[in-house]
N, C-alpha and C. Protein backbone atom coordinates (compact mmCIF):
# COMPACT_ATOMS: atom_id res chain seq x y z
N UNK A 1 103.99 114.12 103.46
CA UNK A 1 103.90 113.05 102.49
C UNK A 1 103.54 111.75 103.22
N UNK A 2 102.59 111.03 102.69
CA UNK A 2 102.12 109.80 103.31
C UNK A 2 102.84 108.59 102.72
N UNK A 3 103.29 107.66 103.59
CA UNK A 3 103.97 106.48 103.12
C UNK A 3 102.98 105.38 102.79
N UNK A 4 103.33 104.57 101.80
CA UNK A 4 102.50 103.43 101.44
C UNK A 4 102.58 102.39 102.56
N UNK A 5 101.47 101.70 102.84
CA UNK A 5 101.52 100.68 103.90
C UNK A 5 102.42 99.52 103.51
N UNK A 6 103.02 98.91 104.51
CA UNK A 6 103.88 97.74 104.30
C UNK A 6 103.00 96.51 104.35
N UNK A 7 103.05 95.68 103.31
CA UNK A 7 102.28 94.45 103.27
C UNK A 7 103.25 93.27 103.19
N UNK A 8 103.38 92.55 104.28
CA UNK A 8 104.26 91.40 104.31
C UNK A 8 103.53 90.17 103.82
N UNK A 9 104.25 89.29 103.16
CA UNK A 9 103.66 88.03 102.74
C UNK A 9 103.41 87.16 103.96
N UNK A 10 102.30 86.47 103.94
CA UNK A 10 101.98 85.58 105.05
C UNK A 10 103.09 84.53 105.15
N UNK A 11 103.53 84.25 106.34
CA UNK A 11 104.58 83.28 106.65
C UNK A 11 105.98 83.74 106.23
N UNK A 12 106.13 84.98 105.74
CA UNK A 12 107.45 85.44 105.30
C UNK A 12 108.44 85.48 106.46
N UNK A 13 108.01 85.98 107.61
CA UNK A 13 108.94 86.05 108.74
C UNK A 13 109.30 84.68 109.27
N UNK A 14 108.33 83.79 109.37
CA UNK A 14 108.66 82.46 109.88
C UNK A 14 109.62 81.74 108.94
N UNK A 15 109.47 81.95 107.64
CA UNK A 15 110.38 81.37 106.66
C UNK A 15 111.77 81.98 106.79
N UNK A 16 111.82 83.29 107.01
CA UNK A 16 113.09 83.97 107.19
C UNK A 16 113.81 83.44 108.43
N UNK A 17 113.09 83.28 109.55
CA UNK A 17 113.69 82.76 110.77
C UNK A 17 114.22 81.35 110.56
N UNK A 18 113.43 80.51 109.93
CA UNK A 18 113.84 79.12 109.70
C UNK A 18 115.08 79.06 108.81
N UNK A 19 115.11 79.84 107.76
CA UNK A 19 116.24 79.85 106.84
C UNK A 19 117.50 80.37 107.52
N UNK A 20 117.37 81.46 108.26
CA UNK A 20 118.54 82.03 108.95
C UNK A 20 119.10 81.04 109.97
N UNK A 21 118.24 80.36 110.68
CA UNK A 21 118.71 79.38 111.66
C UNK A 21 119.32 78.15 111.00
N UNK A 22 118.80 77.76 109.85
CA UNK A 22 119.33 76.59 109.13
C UNK A 22 120.68 76.90 108.49
N UNK A 23 120.77 78.04 107.82
CA UNK A 23 122.00 78.40 107.09
C UNK A 23 123.03 79.07 107.98
N UNK A 24 122.58 79.68 109.07
CA UNK A 24 123.49 80.43 109.94
C UNK A 24 123.86 81.78 109.36
N UNK A 25 123.09 82.23 108.36
CA UNK A 25 123.39 83.49 107.69
C UNK A 25 122.13 84.35 107.55
N UNK A 26 122.35 85.65 107.57
CA UNK A 26 121.29 86.62 107.35
C UNK A 26 121.68 87.39 106.10
N UNK A 27 120.93 87.23 105.02
CA UNK A 27 121.28 87.83 103.73
C UNK A 27 120.77 89.26 103.63
N UNK A 28 121.16 89.91 102.56
CA UNK A 28 120.69 91.27 102.28
C UNK A 28 119.17 91.28 102.14
N UNK A 29 118.62 90.32 101.43
CA UNK A 29 117.16 90.24 101.27
C UNK A 29 116.48 90.02 102.63
N UNK A 30 117.09 89.20 103.48
CA UNK A 30 116.55 88.98 104.82
C UNK A 30 116.52 90.29 105.61
N UNK A 31 117.59 91.06 105.51
CA UNK A 31 117.66 92.32 106.25
C UNK A 31 116.60 93.30 105.78
N UNK A 32 116.36 93.35 104.48
CA UNK A 32 115.30 94.22 103.97
C UNK A 32 113.93 93.74 104.46
N UNK A 33 113.75 92.42 104.51
CA UNK A 33 112.49 91.88 105.03
C UNK A 33 112.29 92.23 106.49
N UNK A 34 113.36 92.14 107.28
CA UNK A 34 113.27 92.51 108.70
C UNK A 34 112.95 94.00 108.87
N UNK A 35 113.59 94.82 108.03
CA UNK A 35 113.34 96.25 108.11
C UNK A 35 111.87 96.56 107.78
N UNK A 36 111.35 95.93 106.75
CA UNK A 36 109.94 96.14 106.39
C UNK A 36 109.02 95.67 107.51
N UNK A 37 109.36 94.55 108.13
CA UNK A 37 108.54 94.02 109.21
C UNK A 37 108.50 94.98 110.39
N UNK A 38 109.63 95.58 110.70
CA UNK A 38 109.68 96.49 111.84
C UNK A 38 108.84 97.75 111.61
N UNK A 39 108.64 98.12 110.36
CA UNK A 39 107.80 99.28 110.05
C UNK A 39 106.32 98.94 110.03
N UNK A 40 106.00 97.67 110.09
CA UNK A 40 104.60 97.22 110.09
C UNK A 40 104.03 97.39 111.50
N UNK A 41 103.19 98.38 111.67
CA UNK A 41 102.64 98.68 113.00
C UNK A 41 101.70 97.59 113.50
N UNK A 42 101.22 96.74 112.61
CA UNK A 42 100.30 95.68 113.02
C UNK A 42 101.02 94.36 113.29
N UNK A 43 102.36 94.37 113.27
CA UNK A 43 103.14 93.16 113.52
C UNK A 43 102.85 92.66 114.93
N UNK A 44 102.45 91.40 115.07
CA UNK A 44 102.14 90.86 116.39
C UNK A 44 103.37 90.86 117.32
N UNK A 45 103.13 90.93 118.60
CA UNK A 45 104.20 90.99 119.59
C UNK A 45 105.10 89.77 119.53
N UNK A 46 104.54 88.59 119.28
CA UNK A 46 105.38 87.38 119.23
C UNK A 46 106.36 87.44 118.06
N UNK A 47 105.97 88.04 116.95
CA UNK A 47 106.88 88.18 115.81
C UNK A 47 107.95 89.23 116.10
N UNK A 48 107.60 90.29 116.83
CA UNK A 48 108.60 91.28 117.24
C UNK A 48 109.64 90.64 118.16
N UNK A 49 109.18 89.78 119.07
CA UNK A 49 110.11 89.08 119.96
C UNK A 49 111.00 88.12 119.18
N UNK A 50 110.44 87.49 118.15
CA UNK A 50 111.24 86.59 117.31
C UNK A 50 112.33 87.36 116.57
N UNK A 51 112.00 88.55 116.10
CA UNK A 51 113.00 89.41 115.44
C UNK A 51 114.09 89.76 116.44
N UNK A 52 113.71 90.09 117.67
CA UNK A 52 114.70 90.40 118.72
C UNK A 52 115.63 89.21 118.96
N UNK A 53 115.06 88.00 119.00
CA UNK A 53 115.89 86.80 119.21
C UNK A 53 116.87 86.60 118.04
N UNK A 54 116.38 86.85 116.84
CA UNK A 54 117.23 86.70 115.66
C UNK A 54 118.38 87.70 115.71
N UNK A 55 118.08 88.94 116.04
CA UNK A 55 119.12 89.96 116.13
C UNK A 55 120.10 89.67 117.26
N UNK A 56 119.61 89.10 118.35
CA UNK A 56 120.49 88.70 119.45
C UNK A 56 121.44 87.59 118.99
N UNK A 57 120.94 86.68 118.17
CA UNK A 57 121.79 85.62 117.61
C UNK A 57 122.89 86.20 116.73
N UNK A 58 122.55 87.26 116.00
CA UNK A 58 123.56 87.93 115.17
C UNK A 58 124.61 88.58 116.07
N UNK A 59 124.17 89.27 117.10
CA UNK A 59 125.13 89.97 117.97
C UNK A 59 126.02 89.00 118.73
N UNK A 60 125.56 87.80 118.97
CA UNK A 60 126.35 86.78 119.67
C UNK A 60 127.19 85.93 118.72
N UNK A 61 127.06 86.19 117.42
CA UNK A 61 127.88 85.48 116.44
C UNK A 61 127.34 84.14 116.01
N UNK A 62 126.14 83.80 116.42
CA UNK A 62 125.54 82.52 116.01
C UNK A 62 125.05 82.56 114.57
N UNK A 63 124.66 83.76 114.14
CA UNK A 63 124.21 83.96 112.76
C UNK A 63 125.06 85.08 112.18
N UNK A 64 125.62 84.83 110.98
CA UNK A 64 126.47 85.81 110.32
C UNK A 64 125.64 86.66 109.36
N UNK A 65 126.03 87.93 109.26
CA UNK A 65 125.43 88.83 108.27
C UNK A 65 126.30 88.76 107.03
N UNK A 66 125.70 88.39 105.91
CA UNK A 66 126.45 88.26 104.65
C UNK A 66 125.90 89.25 103.64
N UNK A 67 126.73 89.59 102.66
CA UNK A 67 126.33 90.55 101.62
C UNK A 67 125.72 89.89 100.40
N UNK A 68 125.42 88.61 100.51
CA UNK A 68 124.75 87.90 99.42
C UNK A 68 123.29 88.35 99.39
N UNK A 69 122.71 88.42 98.20
CA UNK A 69 121.30 88.76 98.09
C UNK A 69 120.45 87.61 98.59
N UNK A 70 120.91 86.39 98.31
CA UNK A 70 120.17 85.20 98.70
C UNK A 70 121.18 84.07 98.92
N UNK A 71 120.87 83.15 99.80
CA UNK A 71 121.74 81.99 99.99
C UNK A 71 121.63 81.04 98.81
N UNK A 72 120.63 81.20 97.97
CA UNK A 72 120.49 80.35 96.77
C UNK A 72 121.63 80.60 95.79
N UNK A 73 122.20 81.82 95.83
CA UNK A 73 123.33 82.13 94.95
C UNK A 73 124.54 81.29 95.31
N UNK A 74 124.67 80.94 96.59
CA UNK A 74 125.85 80.21 97.06
C UNK A 74 125.77 78.73 96.79
N UNK A 75 124.58 78.24 96.51
CA UNK A 75 124.38 76.79 96.32
C UNK A 75 124.73 76.39 94.91
C-alpha cells in the first residue's frame, strides 16, 4: 500500500518553533506537525536540526509537552 505524500505548509515549522519558544509549550497539534515533518523526505537538513534542538529543549525541561490542542485555548 502506498502512502500519500506529506505536504507541509510553507513556514509551518518556523512558526511552530517560534510559538514553542515563546510559550514554552509544545501542544498536541505541534507534535502532529513535527511527526508529519519527520516523514517528509525532502525536509531540508537545517529544519531537521531545528527539530532536534526543539526536542532537546523538551528533554531538558525548557519546553513543556502539554495535552492542549492549541495554546489559543488557554488564552
